[in-house]
C-alpha atoms as a PDB file:
ATOM      1  CA  MET A   1      19.520 -26.859 -17.090  1.00  0.00           C
ATOM      2  CA  THR A   2      20.251 -23.256 -17.791  1.00  0.00           C
ATOM      3  CA  ASP A   3      19.148 -21.163 -20.738  1.00  0.00           C
ATOM      4  CA  GLN A   4      21.432 -19.040 -22.837  1.00  0.00           C
ATOM      5  CA  CYS A   5      20.216 -16.559 -25.393  1.00  0.00           C
ATOM      6  CA  TRP A   6      22.182 -15.898 -28.553  1.00  0.00           C
ATOM      7  CA  VAL A   7      21.705 -13.028 -30.968  1.00  0.00           C
ATOM      8  CA  VAL A   8      22.489 -14.029 -34.519  1.00  0.00           C
ATOM      9  CA  HIS A   9      23.622 -11.240 -36.806  1.00  0.00           C
ATOM     10  CA  HIS A  10      25.277 -10.767 -40.151  1.00  0.00           C
ATOM     11  CA  LEU A  11      27.808  -8.124 -41.096  1.00  0.00           C
ATOM     12  CA  ASP A  12      26.737  -6.653 -44.414  1.00  0.00           C
ATOM     13  CA  GLN A  13      30.045  -5.262 -45.655  1.00  0.00           C
ATOM     14  CA  ALA A  14      28.524  -3.861 -48.842  1.00  0.00           C
ATOM     15  CA  HIS A  15      26.309  -1.499 -46.849  1.00  0.00           C
ATOM     16  CA  ASN A  16      28.620  -1.256 -43.809  1.00  0.00           C
ATOM     17  CA  ARG A  17      25.981  -2.364 -41.298  1.00  0.00           C
ATOM     18  CA  VAL A  18      25.068  -5.260 -39.050  1.00  0.00           C
ATOM     19  CA  ARG A  19      21.776  -6.956 -39.842  1.00  0.00           C
ATOM     20  CA  LEU A  20      19.839  -8.861 -37.162  1.00  0.00           C
ATOM     21  CA  ILE A  21      18.970 -12.337 -38.397  1.00  0.00           C
ATOM     22  CA  GLY A  22      17.298 -13.690 -35.264  1.00  0.00           C
ATOM     23  CA  VAL A  23      17.472 -14.611 -31.618  1.00  0.00           C
ATOM     24  CA  MET A  24      18.047 -18.189 -30.555  1.00  0.00           C
ATOM     25  CA  SER A  25      17.562 -19.720 -27.106  1.00  0.00           C
ATOM     26  CA  VAL A  26      19.752 -22.688 -26.194  1.00  0.00           C
ATOM     27  CA  THR A  27      19.302 -24.912 -23.149  1.00  0.00           C
ATOM     28  CA  VAL A  28      22.615 -25.940 -21.602  1.00  0.00           C
ATOM     29  CA  LYS A  29      22.660 -29.127 -19.525  1.00  0.00           C
ATOM     30  CA  ILE A  30      24.465 -29.074 -16.184  1.00  0.00           C
ATOM     31  CA  SER A  31      24.613 -32.867 -15.905  1.00  0.00           C
ATOM     32  CA  TYR A  32      24.211 -35.968 -18.052  1.00  0.00           C
ATOM     33  CA  SER A  33      22.780 -39.416 -17.418  1.00  0.00           C
ATOM     34  CA  ILE A  34      25.115 -42.275 -18.342  1.00  0.00           C
ATOM     35  CA  PRO A  35      23.440 -42.839 -21.757  1.00  0.00           C
ATOM     36  CA  GLU A  36      23.512 -39.079 -22.488  1.00  0.00           C
ATOM     37  CA  ALA A  37      27.174 -38.826 -21.451  1.00  0.00           C
ATOM     38  CA  ALA A  38      28.014 -41.817 -23.630  1.00  0.00           C
ATOM     39  CA  GLU A  39      26.355 -40.187 -26.630  1.00  0.00           C
ATOM     40  CA  ALA A  40      27.861 -36.759 -25.964  1.00  0.00           C
ATOM     41  CA  SER A  41      31.407 -38.101 -25.505  1.00  0.00           C
ATOM     42  CA  SER A  42      31.336 -41.016 -27.979  1.00  0.00           C
ATOM     43  CA  LEU A  43      32.491 -43.288 -25.156  1.00  0.00           C
ATOM     44  CA  SER A  44      30.714 -46.522 -24.258  1.00  0.00           C
ATOM     45  CA  ARG A  45      28.681 -46.904 -21.084  1.00  0.00           C
ATOM     46  CA  SER A  46      31.162 -49.469 -19.771  1.00  0.00           C
ATOM     47  CA  MET A  47      34.077 -47.108 -20.450  1.00  0.00           C
ATOM     48  CA  LEU A  48      32.306 -44.364 -18.504  1.00  0.00           C
ATOM     49  CA  PHE A  49      31.725 -46.722 -15.559  1.00  0.00           C
ATOM     50  CA  ASP A  50      35.398 -47.808 -15.708  1.00  0.00           C
ATOM     51  CA  LEU A  51      36.501 -44.153 -15.627  1.00  0.00           C
ATOM     52  CA  ILE A  52      34.172 -43.453 -12.683  1.00  0.00           C
ATOM     53  CA  ARG A  53      35.500 -46.494 -10.766  1.00  0.00           C
ATOM     54  CA  ALA A  54      39.095 -45.427 -11.472  1.00  0.00           C
ATOM     55  CA  GLY A  55      38.378 -41.936 -10.122  1.00  0.00           C
ATOM     56  CA  GLU A  56      39.091 -40.323 -13.503  1.00  0.00           C
ATOM     57  CA  LEU A  57      35.515 -39.114 -14.042  1.00  0.00           C
ATOM     58  CA  ASP A  58      33.408 -37.456 -11.341  1.00  0.00           C
ATOM     59  CA  SER A  59      29.804 -38.483 -10.892  1.00  0.00           C
ATOM     60  CA  VAL A  60      27.019 -38.002  -8.380  1.00  0.00           C
ATOM     61  CA  LYS A  61      24.118 -40.188  -7.407  1.00  0.00           C
ATOM     62  CA  VAL A  62      20.750 -38.483  -6.952  1.00  0.00           C
ATOM     63  CA  ARG A  63      18.009 -40.748  -5.600  1.00  0.00           C
ATOM     64  CA  GLY A  64      19.608 -43.777  -7.200  1.00  0.00           C
ATOM     65  CA  ARG A  65      20.304 -42.131 -10.543  1.00  0.00           C
ATOM     66  CA  ARG A  66      23.958 -41.709 -11.595  1.00  0.00           C
ATOM     67  CA  LEU A  67      24.686 -38.301 -13.121  1.00  0.00           C
ATOM     68  CA  ILE A  68      27.876 -36.908 -14.603  1.00  0.00           C
ATOM     69  CA  PRO A  69      28.348 -33.157 -14.197  1.00  0.00           C
ATOM     70  CA  ALA A  70      28.926 -31.440 -17.541  1.00  0.00           C
ATOM     71  CA  GLU A  71      32.174 -29.897 -16.235  1.00  0.00           C
ATOM     72  CA  ALA A  72      33.502 -33.371 -15.383  1.00  0.00           C
ATOM     73  CA  LEU A  73      32.874 -34.629 -18.901  1.00  0.00           C
ATOM     74  CA  HIS A  74      34.489 -31.527 -20.422  1.00  0.00           C
ATOM     75  CA  ARG A  75      37.450 -31.848 -18.057  1.00  0.00           C
ATOM     76  CA  LEU A  76      37.942 -35.522 -18.993  1.00  0.00           C
ATOM     77  CA  VAL A  77      38.034 -34.749 -22.703  1.00  0.00           C
ATOM     78  CA  SER A  78      40.302 -31.706 -22.213  1.00  0.00           C
ATOM     79  CA  GLN A  79      42.763 -33.636 -20.014  1.00  0.00           C
ATOM     80  CA  THR A  80      42.850 -36.533 -22.429  1.00  0.00           C
ATOM     81  CA  ARG A  81      43.528 -34.173 -25.327  1.00  0.00           C
ATOM     82  CA  ASP A  82      46.260 -32.333 -23.402  1.00  0.00           C
ATOM     83  CA  ASP A  83      47.935 -35.591 -22.273  1.00  0.00           C
ATOM     84  CA  CYS A  84      48.083 -37.108 -25.757  1.00  0.00           C
ATOM     85  CA  PRO A  85      51.739 -37.093 -26.919  1.00  0.00           C
ATOM     86  CA  ASN A  86      50.883 -37.770 -30.571  1.00  0.00           C
ATOM     87  CA  ARG A  87      48.391 -34.897 -30.866  1.00  0.00           C
ATOM     88  CA  ARG A  88      48.835 -32.865 -34.007  1.00  0.00           C
ATOM     89  CA  ALA A  89      48.779 -29.078 -33.814  1.00  0.00           C
ATOM     90  CA  ALA A  90      45.726 -27.529 -35.436  1.00  0.00           C
END
């Protein structure tokens, strides 16, 4: 996991200044377990295993534990969105 720090501010247009509201630290995961990936992607565990078997989703095994790199999950969702012919423009 990696940490990212975010500064939260507010533009006060009435007084033409930026006001600091706070600083927030966010932990970003670099990989997901199968249950975490299922929750994050709204896909079932069996669907994730099917995608892995079909070579459509990358995964690694670390000491017997199956992990899905975060980039692989993002790539899967992005490719699926880009390949969808009925996708409506935002």
